[in-house]
Protein backbone atom coordinates (compact mmCIF):
# COMPACT_ATOMS: atom_id res chain seq x y z
CA MET A 1 130.26 104.68 100.93
CA THR A 2 128.48 101.99 98.65
CA THR A 3 125.31 102.11 96.80
CA ALA A 4 122.64 99.46 96.54
CA GLN A 5 123.44 96.98 93.81
CA ALA A 6 121.03 95.51 91.52
CA GLU A 7 120.08 91.68 93.22
CA SER A 8 119.38 88.55 90.99
CA THR A 9 116.15 87.78 92.76
CA ILE A 10 113.29 89.28 94.25
CA PRO A 11 113.99 89.83 98.20
CA THR A 12 111.87 87.38 100.63
CA GLY A 13 109.62 89.08 103.41
CA THR A 14 107.19 91.76 103.92
CA TRP A 15 108.47 95.30 102.74
CA GLN A 16 106.59 98.65 103.28
CA SER A 17 107.00 101.59 101.66
CA ASP A 18 108.69 104.89 102.96
CA PRO A 19 106.37 107.63 102.45
CA VAL A 20 109.27 110.02 103.08
CA HIS A 21 111.59 108.43 99.81
CA SER A 22 108.69 107.33 97.56
CA HIS A 23 106.87 108.77 94.96
CA ALA A 24 103.79 107.78 92.66
CA GLY A 25 102.94 110.03 89.69
CA PHE A 26 101.37 110.39 86.35
CA SER A 27 102.22 112.11 83.08
CA VAL A 28 99.78 112.96 79.91
CA LYS A 29 100.44 115.01 76.86
CA HIS A 30 98.81 118.59 77.43
CA VAL A 31 98.57 120.72 74.19
CA VAL A 32 102.13 120.83 73.12
CA GLY A 33 103.83 119.84 76.39
CA THR A 34 103.69 116.90 79.09
CA PHE A 35 101.28 117.68 82.46
CA ARG A 36 102.77 115.80 85.67
CA GLY A 37 100.97 115.08 88.98
CA SER A 38 101.26 112.77 91.55
CA PHE A 39 99.89 111.36 94.71
CA ASN A 40 101.07 112.73 98.16
CA GLU A 41 99.61 109.74 99.88
CA PHE A 42 99.92 106.33 99.01
CA ALA A 43 101.30 103.00 100.48
CA ALA A 44 102.81 99.95 98.79
CA THR A 45 103.49 96.32 100.20
CA LEU A 46 106.11 93.84 98.52
CA THR A 47 105.40 90.42 100.22
CA ASP A 48 106.25 86.59 99.48
CA ALA A 49 103.61 85.34 101.95
CA SER A 50 102.40 82.50 99.51
CA GLY A 51 105.69 81.86 98.21
CA LYS A 52 105.85 84.01 95.12
CA PRO A 53 106.35 87.68 95.32
CA VAL A 54 103.43 90.10 95.10
CA LEU A 55 103.04 93.81 95.17
CA THR A 56 99.95 95.87 96.16
CA GLY A 57 99.52 99.63 96.53
CA ARG A 58 96.56 102.05 97.06
CA ALA A 59 96.29 106.06 96.78
CA PRO A 60 93.38 107.99 98.03
CA VAL A 61 92.36 109.96 95.24
CA SER A 62 91.61 113.08 96.93
CA SER A 63 95.71 112.83 97.82
CA VAL A 64 96.29 114.07 93.94
CA GLN A 65 98.90 116.81 93.65
CA VAL A 66 98.62 119.38 91.08
CA ASN A 67 99.87 123.29 91.44
CA GLU A 68 96.15 124.41 90.61
CA GLU A 69 93.21 124.36 92.79
CA GLN A 70 90.40 124.60 89.87
CA LEU A 71 92.41 121.79 88.15
CA TYR A 72 92.67 119.84 91.56
CA THR A 73 88.63 120.07 91.99
CA HIS A 74 88.09 119.00 88.44
CA LEU A 75 90.52 115.88 88.78
CA LEU A 76 87.99 114.92 91.76
CA SER A 77 84.88 115.28 89.53
CA PRO A 78 83.05 112.73 87.69
CA GLU A 79 84.74 113.78 84.29
CA PHE A 80 87.95 112.56 85.79
CA PHE A 81 88.80 110.24 88.90
CA ASP A 82 85.33 110.66 90.35
CA ALA A 83 86.40 110.64 93.60
CA GLN A 84 82.91 110.58 95.87
CA GLU A 85 82.24 107.21 93.95
CA HIS A 86 85.66 105.94 93.53
CA PRO A 87 87.84 107.14 96.69
CA GLU A 88 90.80 104.90 95.85
CA ILE A 89 93.27 103.95 93.11
CA ARG A 90 94.79 100.18 93.60
CA PHE A 91 97.12 97.82 92.20
CA GLU A 92 97.35 94.54 93.08
CA SER A 93 100.31 92.52 91.40
CA LYS A 94 99.40 88.54 90.42
CA GLU A 95 103.29 88.11 90.46
CA VAL A 96 106.77 90.09 90.52
CA SER A 97 109.63 88.65 88.76
CA ARG A 98 112.73 89.00 86.90
CA ASP A 99 113.19 89.51 83.08
CA GLY A 100 117.04 89.78 82.86
CA ASP A 101 118.07 93.47 84.19
CA GLN A 102 114.40 94.32 84.54
CA VAL A 103 111.73 93.87 87.07
CA VAL A 104 108.46 93.13 86.00
CA ALA A 105 104.95 93.43 87.88
CA ASN A 106 102.18 91.86 86.38
CA GLY A 107 98.69 92.88 87.94
CA GLU A 108 95.47 94.68 87.73
CA LEU A 109 95.15 98.62 88.29
CA THR A 110 91.69 99.60 89.57
CA ILE A 111 90.85 103.34 88.67
CA ARG A 112 86.94 104.51 88.93
CA GLY A 113 85.89 101.36 89.58
CA VAL A 114 87.28 99.45 86.55
CA SER A 115 90.19 96.70 86.76
CA LYS A 116 92.50 96.36 84.24
CA PRO A 117 95.34 94.19 83.66
CA VAL A 118 98.97 95.93 83.31
CA VAL A 119 102.44 94.86 83.17
CA ALA A 120 104.64 97.49 84.74
CA ARG A 121 108.60 97.28 84.15
CA GLY A 122 111.58 98.81 86.09
CA GLU A 123 114.43 98.22 88.05
CA ILE A 124 115.30 96.81 91.75
CA SER A 125 117.98 97.53 93.62
CA GLY A 126 119.38 96.38 97.29
CA PRO A 127 118.51 95.19 99.85
CA ALA A 128 120.75 97.25 101.53
CA ALA A 129 120.91 98.79 104.91
CA GLY A 130 119.53 102.42 105.53
CA PRO A 131 120.88 105.13 107.66
CA ASP A 132 118.40 103.59 110.50
CA GLY A 133 119.91 100.56 110.19
CA ASN A 134 116.78 98.97 108.64
CA GLU A 135 116.95 97.06 105.56
CA ARG A 136 115.68 98.49 102.22
CA VAL A 137 115.10 97.55 98.70
CA GLY A 138 114.04 100.04 96.05
CA ILE A 139 112.02 99.60 92.86
CA ASP A 140 111.02 101.86 90.17
CA LEU A 141 108.24 100.60 87.79
CA GLU A 142 106.67 102.19 84.88
CA THR A 143 103.50 101.29 82.66
CA LYS A 144 101.38 103.32 80.16
CA VAL A 145 97.46 102.97 80.30
CA ASP A 146 94.58 104.21 77.98
CA ARG A 147 92.95 106.61 80.26
CA HIS A 148 89.62 105.71 78.26
CA ASP A 149 89.88 102.32 79.38
CA TYR A 150 89.27 103.44 82.99
CA GLY A 151 86.30 105.87 81.76
CA ILE A 152 88.57 109.06 81.86
CA ASP A 153 87.12 110.47 78.48
CA TRP A 154 87.24 114.69 79.40
CA GLN A 155 88.69 116.26 76.23
CA MET A 156 88.46 119.88 74.99
CA ASP A 157 88.94 120.68 71.54
CA LEU A 158 91.75 123.50 70.63
CA PRO A 159 91.00 126.14 68.12
CA ASP A 160 92.96 124.37 65.33
CA GLY A 161 90.86 121.39 65.95
CA GLY A 162 93.67 119.48 68.15
CA LYS A 163 92.96 117.79 71.55
CA THR A 164 93.81 119.43 75.01
CA LEU A 165 94.86 115.93 76.31
CA GLY A 166 96.69 112.84 75.05
CA ASP A 167 94.92 109.25 75.19
CA GLU A 168 98.07 107.72 77.17
CA ILE A 169 99.09 108.06 80.40
CA THR A 170 102.26 107.09 82.15
CA LEU A 171 102.24 105.95 85.51
CA THR A 172 105.42 105.75 87.65
CA VAL A 173 106.07 104.64 91.29
CA HIS A 174 109.67 104.97 92.74
CA LEU A 175 109.36 103.07 96.04
CA GLU A 176 111.88 102.74 98.95
CA LEU A 177 110.59 99.94 100.49
CA VAL A 178 111.40 98.86 104.50
CA LYS A 179 111.97 95.40 105.52
CA GLU A 180 109.49 94.49 108.40
CA ALA A 181 110.94 93.16 111.68
């Protein structure tokens, strides 16, 4: 059995995320630990239609996944994602390139209607044939953003004067993309 190896170039064609084998998540410092959440619905596309590779992704805010109903409702409120006014989170790269062993996606992240430039870095593997015979490529990316840049300013003081939430959010995506026929 062989494993997918890293390629020296970004693959050509159009590739769609496989929702069963992909993941989009976030983490933030919470009191003394790290809180993690994810989005159980999202779609990503890697394409080179214009001659240079670009990556786009969208996630409905209502698909945020946390293990507590009151927290879920709070995250949808205007104090966090404001899902009623801004129902979608979007990422649109300007380019996807290689930097040594890393893949780099320079683009724009939109949360709560605010768009900011971000650089996501990570690894790419494949292409390789999956069990279904379809060609697949894997991309793992991570970036960090300041939540206040997107108007996510909620905070609660702790009894010792500390803050409940950190300012920096780590965003991660693990994509298994399938090549369109």
